[in-house]
Amino acid sequence: MTQGLRRYHVGDRLSEMTVFNKTVYLAGQVASDASQDIRGQTQQVLGMVDKLLAEAGTDNAHILMCQIFLADLADFAAMNEVWDDWVTPGDAPPRATVQAALARPEWKIEVVVTAAI
């Protein structure tokens, strides 16, 4: 392990989170129940982001950058409805949203976050 670098929820292939120099890097978060629609999957994913950020001692008001990958851009408006309810008013972070083929066809959204502590 590199000095000052902490990894959380380490698996064989990836860690769910790394903290280094008071910056939190999350792996791409996807829904655990992929049978839900885009709203449900987005709520799950943002809940997972909240949980990981809290574990690192921060929250969504401290997000430095967010990358959102949607399997279908037709889900953009519905995803944004959930996002708008979740993001801290006045603290909306820089964000990119793109359409992408996700690793599993049932996943509708994947979110990658970098945040400050």
N, C-alpha and C. Protein backbone atom coordinates (compact mmCIF):
# COMPACT_ATOMS: atom_id res chain seq x y z
N MET A 1 0.84 -1.19 0.00
CA MET A 1 0.00 0.00 0.00
C MET A 1 0.88 1.25 0.00
N THR A 2 0.53 2.20 -0.83
CA THR A 2 1.27 3.45 -0.93
C THR A 2 0.98 4.31 0.29
N GLN A 3 1.98 4.97 0.81
CA GLN A 3 1.82 5.80 2.00
C GLN A 3 0.77 6.88 1.77
N GLY A 4 -0.18 6.98 2.70
CA GLY A 4 -1.22 8.00 2.64
C GLY A 4 -2.39 7.64 1.74
N LEU A 5 -2.31 6.54 1.03
CA LEU A 5 -3.38 6.12 0.15
C LEU A 5 -4.18 5.02 0.84
N ARG A 6 -5.51 5.19 0.91
CA ARG A 6 -6.36 4.17 1.55
C ARG A 6 -7.39 3.68 0.54
N ARG A 7 -7.52 2.37 0.47
CA ARG A 7 -8.52 1.74 -0.41
C ARG A 7 -9.59 1.11 0.46
N TYR A 8 -10.84 1.18 -0.02
CA TYR A 8 -11.99 0.64 0.72
C TYR A 8 -12.71 -0.39 -0.14
N HIS A 9 -13.19 -1.43 0.53
CA HIS A 9 -13.97 -2.47 -0.15
C HIS A 9 -13.18 -3.02 -1.34
N VAL A 10 -12.00 -3.52 -1.03
CA VAL A 10 -11.06 -4.01 -2.03
C VAL A 10 -11.45 -5.41 -2.47
N GLY A 11 -11.57 -5.58 -3.77
CA GLY A 11 -11.83 -6.90 -4.34
C GLY A 11 -10.65 -7.33 -5.18
N ASP A 12 -10.81 -8.43 -5.87
CA ASP A 12 -9.75 -8.92 -6.73
C ASP A 12 -9.50 -8.00 -7.93
N ARG A 13 -10.58 -7.37 -8.42
CA ARG A 13 -10.47 -6.58 -9.63
C ARG A 13 -10.43 -5.08 -9.38
N LEU A 14 -11.12 -4.62 -8.32
CA LEU A 14 -11.18 -3.18 -8.08
C LEU A 14 -11.52 -2.88 -6.64
N SER A 15 -11.28 -1.64 -6.26
CA SER A 15 -11.71 -1.11 -4.97
C SER A 15 -12.90 -0.20 -5.24
N GLU A 16 -13.85 -0.16 -4.33
CA GLU A 16 -15.00 0.72 -4.50
C GLU A 16 -14.63 2.18 -4.29
N MET A 17 -13.56 2.41 -3.50
CA MET A 17 -13.20 3.79 -3.18
C MET A 17 -11.73 3.85 -2.79
N THR A 18 -11.09 4.94 -3.20
CA THR A 18 -9.73 5.25 -2.78
C THR A 18 -9.73 6.68 -2.25
N VAL A 19 -9.00 6.89 -1.15
CA VAL A 19 -8.83 8.23 -0.59
C VAL A 19 -7.34 8.54 -0.60
N PHE A 20 -7.01 9.73 -1.14
CA PHE A 20 -5.62 10.17 -1.19
C PHE A 20 -5.60 11.69 -1.17
N ASN A 21 -4.77 12.26 -0.33
CA ASN A 21 -4.64 13.72 -0.22
C ASN A 21 -5.98 14.43 -0.08
N LYS A 22 -6.82 13.91 0.80
CA LYS A 22 -8.14 14.50 1.09
C LYS A 22 -9.06 14.55 -0.12
N THR A 23 -8.82 13.63 -1.06
CA THR A 23 -9.69 13.49 -2.23
C THR A 23 -10.20 12.06 -2.27
N VAL A 24 -11.50 11.93 -2.57
CA VAL A 24 -12.16 10.62 -2.64
C VAL A 24 -12.44 10.30 -4.10
N TYR A 25 -12.05 9.10 -4.51
CA TYR A 25 -12.28 8.62 -5.86
C TYR A 25 -13.16 7.38 -5.77
N LEU A 26 -14.34 7.43 -6.36
CA LEU A 26 -15.23 6.27 -6.34
C LEU A 26 -15.14 5.51 -7.65
N ALA A 27 -15.23 4.20 -7.55
CA ALA A 27 -15.39 3.38 -8.74
C ALA A 27 -16.77 3.65 -9.31
N GLY A 28 -17.01 3.24 -10.52
CA GLY A 28 -18.33 3.39 -11.11
C GLY A 28 -19.36 2.64 -10.27
N GLN A 29 -20.42 3.33 -9.90
CA GLN A 29 -21.48 2.74 -9.08
C GLN A 29 -22.66 2.39 -9.98
N VAL A 30 -23.15 1.16 -9.83
CA VAL A 30 -24.28 0.67 -10.60
C VAL A 30 -25.33 0.11 -9.65
N ALA A 31 -26.54 -0.04 -10.15
CA ALA A 31 -27.65 -0.52 -9.32
C ALA A 31 -27.45 -1.98 -8.92
N SER A 32 -27.79 -2.29 -7.67
CA SER A 32 -27.76 -3.69 -7.22
C SER A 32 -29.02 -4.42 -7.67
N ASP A 33 -30.12 -3.68 -7.84
CA ASP A 33 -31.37 -4.25 -8.36
C ASP A 33 -31.62 -3.65 -9.74
N ALA A 34 -31.10 -4.31 -10.75
CA ALA A 34 -31.18 -3.79 -12.10
C ALA A 34 -32.54 -4.00 -12.74
N SER A 35 -33.49 -4.58 -12.02
CA SER A 35 -34.84 -4.76 -12.57
C SER A 35 -35.64 -3.45 -12.52
N GLN A 36 -35.13 -2.47 -11.78
CA GLN A 36 -35.85 -1.19 -11.65
C GLN A 36 -35.65 -0.32 -12.88
N ASP A 37 -36.56 0.65 -13.05
CA ASP A 37 -36.45 1.60 -14.15
C ASP A 37 -35.33 2.60 -13.86
N ILE A 38 -35.14 3.56 -14.75
CA ILE A 38 -34.04 4.51 -14.59
C ILE A 38 -34.15 5.30 -13.29
N ARG A 39 -35.36 5.67 -12.87
CA ARG A 39 -35.51 6.40 -11.61
C ARG A 39 -35.04 5.54 -10.43
N GLY A 40 -35.49 4.31 -10.40
CA GLY A 40 -35.09 3.41 -9.32
C GLY A 40 -33.61 3.13 -9.31
N GLN A 41 -33.04 2.88 -10.49
CA GLN A 41 -31.60 2.62 -10.54
C GLN A 41 -30.81 3.86 -10.15
N THR A 42 -31.27 5.03 -10.59
CA THR A 42 -30.56 6.27 -10.22
C THR A 42 -30.62 6.49 -8.72
N GLN A 43 -31.78 6.27 -8.10
CA GLN A 43 -31.88 6.41 -6.65
C GLN A 43 -30.95 5.46 -5.93
N GLN A 44 -30.87 4.22 -6.39
CA GLN A 44 -29.96 3.25 -5.78
C GLN A 44 -28.51 3.71 -5.89
N VAL A 45 -28.13 4.11 -7.09
CA VAL A 45 -26.74 4.51 -7.34
C VAL A 45 -26.37 5.73 -6.50
N LEU A 46 -27.23 6.73 -6.46
CA LEU A 46 -26.92 7.93 -5.67
C LEU A 46 -26.90 7.61 -4.18
N GLY A 47 -27.71 6.67 -3.75
CA GLY A 47 -27.66 6.20 -2.36
C GLY A 47 -26.33 5.53 -2.05
N MET A 48 -25.81 4.76 -3.00
CA MET A 48 -24.50 4.12 -2.81
C MET A 48 -23.40 5.18 -2.77
N VAL A 49 -23.50 6.20 -3.60
CA VAL A 49 -22.54 7.30 -3.58
C VAL A 49 -22.58 7.97 -2.21
N ASP A 50 -23.80 8.27 -1.71
CA ASP A 50 -23.93 8.87 -0.38
C ASP A 50 -23.25 8.03 0.69
N LYS A 51 -23.49 6.72 0.66
CA LYS A 51 -22.93 5.82 1.67
C LYS A 51 -21.40 5.81 1.63
N LEU A 52 -20.83 5.73 0.44
CA LEU A 52 -19.37 5.72 0.32
C LEU A 52 -18.77 7.06 0.74
N LEU A 53 -19.38 8.15 0.29
CA LEU A 53 -18.85 9.46 0.68
C LEU A 53 -18.91 9.64 2.20
N ALA A 54 -19.99 9.21 2.83
CA ALA A 54 -20.11 9.30 4.29
C ALA A 54 -19.02 8.48 4.97
N GLU A 55 -18.74 7.30 4.43
CA GLU A 55 -17.67 6.46 4.99
C GLU A 55 -16.32 7.17 4.93
N ALA A 56 -16.12 7.99 3.91
CA ALA A 56 -14.87 8.74 3.76
C ALA A 56 -14.88 10.05 4.54
N GLY A 57 -16.02 10.39 5.13
CA GLY A 57 -16.10 11.61 5.93
C GLY A 57 -16.50 12.83 5.14
N THR A 58 -17.26 12.65 4.07
CA THR A 58 -17.69 13.78 3.25
C THR A 58 -19.12 13.54 2.76
N ASP A 59 -19.58 14.38 1.84
CA ASP A 59 -20.95 14.23 1.33
C ASP A 59 -21.06 14.82 -0.06
N ASN A 60 -22.28 14.79 -0.62
CA ASN A 60 -22.43 15.19 -2.02
C ASN A 60 -22.25 16.69 -2.25
N ALA A 61 -22.25 17.49 -1.21
CA ALA A 61 -21.96 18.93 -1.37
C ALA A 61 -20.48 19.16 -1.68
N HIS A 62 -19.65 18.12 -1.51
CA HIS A 62 -18.21 18.24 -1.73
C HIS A 62 -17.73 17.52 -2.99
N ILE A 63 -18.68 17.18 -3.87
CA ILE A 63 -18.30 16.52 -5.12
C ILE A 63 -17.54 17.51 -6.00
N LEU A 64 -16.39 17.08 -6.47
CA LEU A 64 -15.57 17.89 -7.37
C LEU A 64 -15.95 17.67 -8.83
N MET A 65 -16.32 16.44 -9.17
CA MET A 65 -16.68 16.10 -10.55
C MET A 65 -17.50 14.83 -10.54
N CYS A 66 -18.50 14.78 -11.40
CA CYS A 66 -19.33 13.59 -11.54
C CYS A 66 -19.43 13.24 -13.01
N GLN A 67 -19.27 11.96 -13.29
CA GLN A 67 -19.44 11.44 -14.65
C GLN A 67 -20.59 10.45 -14.62
N ILE A 68 -21.56 10.66 -15.50
CA ILE A 68 -22.74 9.80 -15.56
C ILE A 68 -22.77 9.12 -16.92
N PHE A 69 -22.90 7.81 -16.89
CA PHE A 69 -22.98 7.01 -18.11
C PHE A 69 -24.39 6.42 -18.18
N LEU A 70 -25.11 6.73 -19.23
CA LEU A 70 -26.45 6.21 -19.45
C LEU A 70 -26.43 5.24 -20.62
N ALA A 71 -27.11 4.12 -20.45
CA ALA A 71 -27.22 3.16 -21.55
C ALA A 71 -28.07 3.73 -22.68
N ASP A 72 -29.04 4.59 -22.32
CA ASP A 72 -29.94 5.16 -23.30
C ASP A 72 -30.21 6.62 -22.95
N LEU A 73 -29.87 7.53 -23.84
CA LEU A 73 -30.08 8.95 -23.57
C LEU A 73 -31.56 9.32 -23.48
N ALA A 74 -32.44 8.43 -23.86
CA ALA A 74 -33.87 8.66 -23.66
C ALA A 74 -34.20 8.72 -22.17
N ASP A 75 -33.32 8.20 -21.31
CA ASP A 75 -33.51 8.22 -19.86
C ASP A 75 -32.96 9.49 -19.21
N PHE A 76 -32.42 10.40 -20.00
CA PHE A 76 -31.76 11.59 -19.47
C PHE A 76 -32.69 12.43 -18.60
N ALA A 77 -33.88 12.73 -19.05
CA ALA A 77 -34.80 13.58 -18.30
C ALA A 77 -35.23 12.93 -16.98
N ALA A 78 -35.56 11.65 -17.01
CA ALA A 78 -35.98 10.96 -15.78
C ALA A 78 -34.83 10.85 -14.79
N MET A 79 -33.62 10.59 -15.29
CA MET A 79 -32.45 10.56 -14.41
C MET A 79 -32.25 11.92 -13.76
N ASN A 80 -32.39 12.99 -14.56
CA ASN A 80 -32.20 14.34 -14.03
C ASN A 80 -33.22 14.69 -12.95
N GLU A 81 -34.44 14.17 -13.03
CA GLU A 81 -35.43 14.42 -11.99
C GLU A 81 -34.93 13.89 -10.64
N VAL A 82 -34.37 12.70 -10.65
CA VAL A 82 -33.83 12.11 -9.41
C VAL A 82 -32.60 12.88 -8.98
N TRP A 83 -31.71 13.20 -9.91
CA TRP A 83 -30.50 13.97 -9.62
C TRP A 83 -30.85 15.29 -8.97
N ASP A 84 -31.81 16.01 -9.55
CA ASP A 84 -32.18 17.35 -9.05
C ASP A 84 -32.69 17.29 -7.62
N ASP A 85 -33.36 16.21 -7.24
CA ASP A 85 -33.82 16.04 -5.85
C ASP A 85 -32.68 15.69 -4.91
N TRP A 86 -31.61 15.13 -5.46
CA TRP A 86 -30.50 14.64 -4.64
C TRP A 86 -29.40 15.67 -4.43
N VAL A 87 -29.09 16.42 -5.48
CA VAL A 87 -27.95 17.35 -5.41
C VAL A 87 -28.27 18.48 -4.42
N THR A 88 -27.26 18.91 -3.71
CA THR A 88 -27.41 19.99 -2.74
C THR A 88 -27.63 21.32 -3.46
N PRO A 89 -28.74 22.00 -3.17
CA PRO A 89 -28.98 23.29 -3.84
C PRO A 89 -27.81 24.25 -3.64
N GLY A 90 -27.38 24.86 -4.72
CA GLY A 90 -26.26 25.78 -4.67
C GLY A 90 -24.90 25.12 -4.74
N ASP A 91 -24.87 23.77 -4.71
CA ASP A 91 -23.61 23.03 -4.76
C ASP A 91 -23.58 22.01 -5.89
N ALA A 92 -24.31 22.28 -6.96
CA ALA A 92 -24.29 21.34 -8.09
C ALA A 92 -22.87 21.26 -8.66
N PRO A 93 -22.31 20.06 -8.72
CA PRO A 93 -20.93 19.92 -9.18
C PRO A 93 -20.83 19.95 -10.71
N PRO A 94 -19.61 20.12 -11.22
CA PRO A 94 -19.40 19.89 -12.64
C PRO A 94 -19.80 18.45 -12.95
N ARG A 95 -20.36 18.25 -14.13
CA ARG A 95 -20.89 16.93 -14.45
C ARG A 95 -20.83 16.71 -15.95
N ALA A 96 -20.57 15.48 -16.33
CA ALA A 96 -20.66 15.06 -17.73
C ALA A 96 -21.62 13.88 -17.78
N THR A 97 -22.47 13.87 -18.79
CA THR A 97 -23.38 12.75 -18.99
C THR A 97 -23.23 12.29 -20.43
N VAL A 98 -22.95 11.00 -20.60
CA VAL A 98 -22.75 10.45 -21.94
C VAL A 98 -23.53 9.14 -22.07
N GLN A 99 -23.81 8.78 -23.29
CA GLN A 99 -24.39 7.48 -23.56
C GLN A 99 -23.25 6.49 -23.73
N ALA A 100 -23.41 5.31 -23.13
CA ALA A 100 -22.35 4.30 -23.20
C ALA A 100 -22.96 2.91 -23.09
N ALA A 101 -22.29 1.96 -23.70
CA ALA A 101 -22.66 0.56 -23.52
C ALA A 101 -22.09 0.13 -22.17
N LEU A 102 -22.97 -0.19 -21.22
CA LEU A 102 -22.51 -0.58 -19.89
C LEU A 102 -22.18 -2.07 -19.88
N ALA A 103 -21.46 -2.51 -18.85
CA ALA A 103 -20.94 -3.88 -18.79
C ALA A 103 -22.04 -4.94 -18.77
N ARG A 104 -23.21 -4.60 -18.24
CA ARG A 104 -24.34 -5.53 -18.23
C ARG A 104 -25.53 -4.86 -18.90
N PRO A 105 -26.22 -5.56 -19.77
CA PRO A 105 -27.32 -4.93 -20.50
C PRO A 105 -28.47 -4.44 -19.63
N GLU A 106 -28.65 -5.00 -18.45
CA GLU A 106 -29.73 -4.58 -17.56
C GLU A 106 -29.42 -3.28 -16.79
N TRP A 107 -28.16 -2.88 -16.76
CA TRP A 107 -27.80 -1.63 -16.10
C TRP A 107 -28.19 -0.46 -17.00
N LYS A 108 -28.82 0.54 -16.41
CA LYS A 108 -29.24 1.72 -17.14
C LYS A 108 -28.34 2.92 -16.87
N ILE A 109 -27.61 2.87 -15.75
CA ILE A 109 -26.80 4.02 -15.33
C ILE A 109 -25.58 3.56 -14.56
N GLU A 110 -24.48 4.27 -14.73
CA GLU A 110 -23.27 4.10 -13.92
C GLU A 110 -22.75 5.50 -13.61
N VAL A 111 -22.36 5.71 -12.36
CA VAL A 111 -21.94 7.04 -11.89
C VAL A 111 -20.56 6.94 -11.27
N VAL A 112 -19.66 7.83 -11.70
CA VAL A 112 -18.30 7.93 -11.16
C VAL A 112 -18.17 9.31 -10.51
N VAL A 113 -17.68 9.34 -9.27
CA VAL A 113 -17.59 10.58 -8.51
C VAL A 113 -16.18 10.77 -7.96
N THR A 114 -15.73 12.02 -7.98
CA THR A 114 -14.54 12.45 -7.27
C THR A 114 -14.99 13.56 -6.33
N ALA A 115 -14.57 13.47 -5.06
CA ALA A 115 -15.04 14.45 -4.05
C ALA A 115 -13.90 14.85 -3.13
N ALA A 116 -14.06 15.99 -2.51
CA ALA A 116 -13.12 16.48 -1.51
C ALA A 116 -13.59 16.07 -0.13
N ILE A 117 -12.63 15.91 0.78
CA ILE A 117 -12.96 15.67 2.19
C ILE A 117 -12.86 16.99 2.90
